[in-house]
Amino acid sequence: MKKSFLWVALLSLFMMFGCSKSVRYSQDEIKDFPPQIQEYIKNSQVAVGMTRQQVRLAWGGPHSIVVLAPSEDGRERVEWVYKKMGFYTSRLIFTDDKLAEIVSDEPGFAK
């Protein structure tokens, strides 16, 4: 009985701290961004047109980075890969430092 209670207590603590929203920025760091971008960052959201810096402030660093072949017109392309809960993947494709495409298999993910 004590072991069961201990496991429930540990699981509850893990869920409580694991679900808390961590802030990866200060207000001073985002004050010069457009108001909509500031809201995205505050709500841990990303949107097409954001820079890599803005995405990093919103979501943190990616799990991996893949350098892609340049676009047909020679622009730099990079893919940031984020993993969630071990099996959902979101791929953010940047062209010349601007988020150009979001591909996610996470249910309910709004693009």
Protein backbone atom coordinates (compact mmCIF):
# COMPACT_ATOMS: atom_id res chain seq x y z
CA MET A 1 0.00 0.00 0.00
CA LYS A 2 2.80 2.41 0.88
CA LYS A 3 4.58 1.67 -2.41
CA SER A 4 1.41 2.41 -4.38
CA PHE A 5 0.95 5.71 -2.57
CA LEU A 6 4.59 6.61 -3.18
CA TRP A 7 4.28 5.89 -6.92
CA VAL A 8 1.09 7.94 -7.19
CA ALA A 9 2.74 10.83 -5.33
CA LEU A 10 5.84 10.70 -7.55
CA LEU A 11 3.74 10.51 -10.70
CA SER A 12 1.68 13.50 -9.54
CA LEU A 13 4.82 15.54 -8.88
CA PHE A 14 6.27 14.61 -12.25
CA MET A 15 3.08 15.62 -14.05
CA MET A 16 2.80 18.85 -12.12
CA PHE A 17 6.34 19.98 -12.90
CA GLY A 18 6.49 18.35 -16.33
CA CYS A 19 3.46 20.32 -17.51
CA SER A 20 4.50 23.67 -16.16
CA LYS A 21 5.22 26.34 -18.72
CA SER A 22 8.87 27.29 -18.78
CA VAL A 23 9.80 30.77 -19.88
CA ARG A 24 12.72 30.87 -22.30
CA TYR A 25 12.90 34.63 -22.68
CA SER A 26 12.62 37.92 -20.85
CA GLN A 27 10.14 40.63 -21.76
CA ASP A 28 13.10 42.79 -22.75
CA GLU A 29 14.18 40.22 -25.37
CA ILE A 30 10.82 40.26 -27.18
CA LYS A 31 9.77 43.92 -26.74
CA ASP A 32 10.91 44.96 -30.23
CA PHE A 33 9.02 42.19 -32.04
CA PRO A 34 5.59 42.91 -33.56
CA PRO A 35 2.73 42.42 -31.04
CA GLN A 36 1.44 39.27 -32.80
CA ILE A 37 4.89 37.65 -32.66
CA GLN A 38 5.15 38.53 -28.95
CA GLU A 39 1.81 36.79 -28.36
CA TYR A 40 2.97 33.69 -30.24
CA ILE A 41 6.11 33.54 -28.12
CA LYS A 42 4.20 34.07 -24.86
CA ASN A 43 1.80 31.26 -25.81
CA SER A 44 4.56 28.87 -26.97
CA GLN A 45 3.24 28.98 -30.53
CA VAL A 46 5.01 29.27 -33.86
CA ALA A 47 3.80 30.66 -37.19
CA VAL A 48 5.07 30.96 -40.73
CA GLY A 49 7.19 34.09 -41.09
CA MET A 50 8.85 33.89 -37.66
CA THR A 51 12.64 33.98 -37.50
CA ARG A 52 14.77 31.21 -36.01
CA GLN A 53 15.40 33.40 -32.96
CA GLN A 54 11.67 33.91 -32.42
CA VAL A 55 10.95 30.19 -32.79
CA ARG A 56 13.72 29.36 -30.31
CA LEU A 57 12.17 31.80 -27.81
CA ALA A 58 8.74 30.21 -28.32
CA TRP A 59 9.67 26.51 -28.39
CA GLY A 60 13.26 26.30 -27.23
CA GLY A 61 16.00 24.60 -29.18
CA PRO A 62 15.17 21.81 -31.62
CA HIS A 63 16.03 18.17 -31.02
CA SER A 64 17.91 18.13 -34.31
CA ILE A 65 18.81 20.41 -37.20
CA VAL A 66 19.08 19.27 -40.80
CA VAL A 67 20.70 21.42 -43.49
CA LEU A 68 18.61 21.00 -46.63
CA ALA A 69 19.53 21.57 -50.26
CA PRO A 70 19.21 25.22 -51.25
CA SER A 71 15.97 26.36 -52.86
CA GLU A 72 15.82 26.62 -56.66
CA ASP A 73 16.78 30.29 -56.41
CA GLY A 74 19.76 29.50 -54.15
CA ARG A 75 18.31 30.48 -50.78
CA GLU A 76 19.50 28.68 -47.61
CA ARG A 77 17.11 26.03 -46.24
CA VAL A 78 17.26 24.46 -42.78
CA GLU A 79 14.91 22.06 -41.03
CA TRP A 80 14.42 22.06 -37.26
CA VAL A 81 12.93 18.88 -35.80
CA TYR A 82 11.03 18.83 -32.51
CA LYS A 83 9.90 15.64 -30.78
CA LYS A 84 7.01 15.61 -28.33
CA MET A 85 6.17 12.80 -25.93
CA GLY A 86 8.55 10.53 -27.80
CA PHE A 87 6.36 9.92 -30.84
CA TYR A 88 5.00 13.17 -32.29
CA THR A 89 7.26 15.09 -34.62
CA SER A 90 7.05 18.67 -35.81
CA ARG A 91 9.35 19.78 -38.62
CA LEU A 92 9.92 23.49 -39.13
CA ILE A 93 11.51 24.44 -42.43
CA PHE A 94 13.26 27.80 -42.62
CA THR A 95 14.26 29.60 -45.81
CA ASP A 96 16.77 32.40 -45.29
CA ASP A 97 16.01 32.52 -41.53
CA LYS A 98 12.22 32.78 -41.97
CA LEU A 99 9.87 29.93 -41.06
CA ALA A 100 8.43 28.88 -44.40
CA GLU A 101 6.70 25.56 -43.65
CA ILE A 102 5.39 23.63 -40.65
CA VAL A 103 4.82 19.87 -40.88
CA SER A 104 3.48 18.09 -37.80
CA ASP A 105 1.87 14.73 -37.07
CA GLU A 106 0.62 15.90 -33.67
CA PRO A 107 -3.19 15.68 -33.44
CA GLY A 108 -4.84 19.06 -33.15
CA PHE A 109 -1.70 20.95 -34.09
CA ALA A 110 -2.77 24.25 -35.64
CA LYS A 111 -0.55 25.65 -38.37
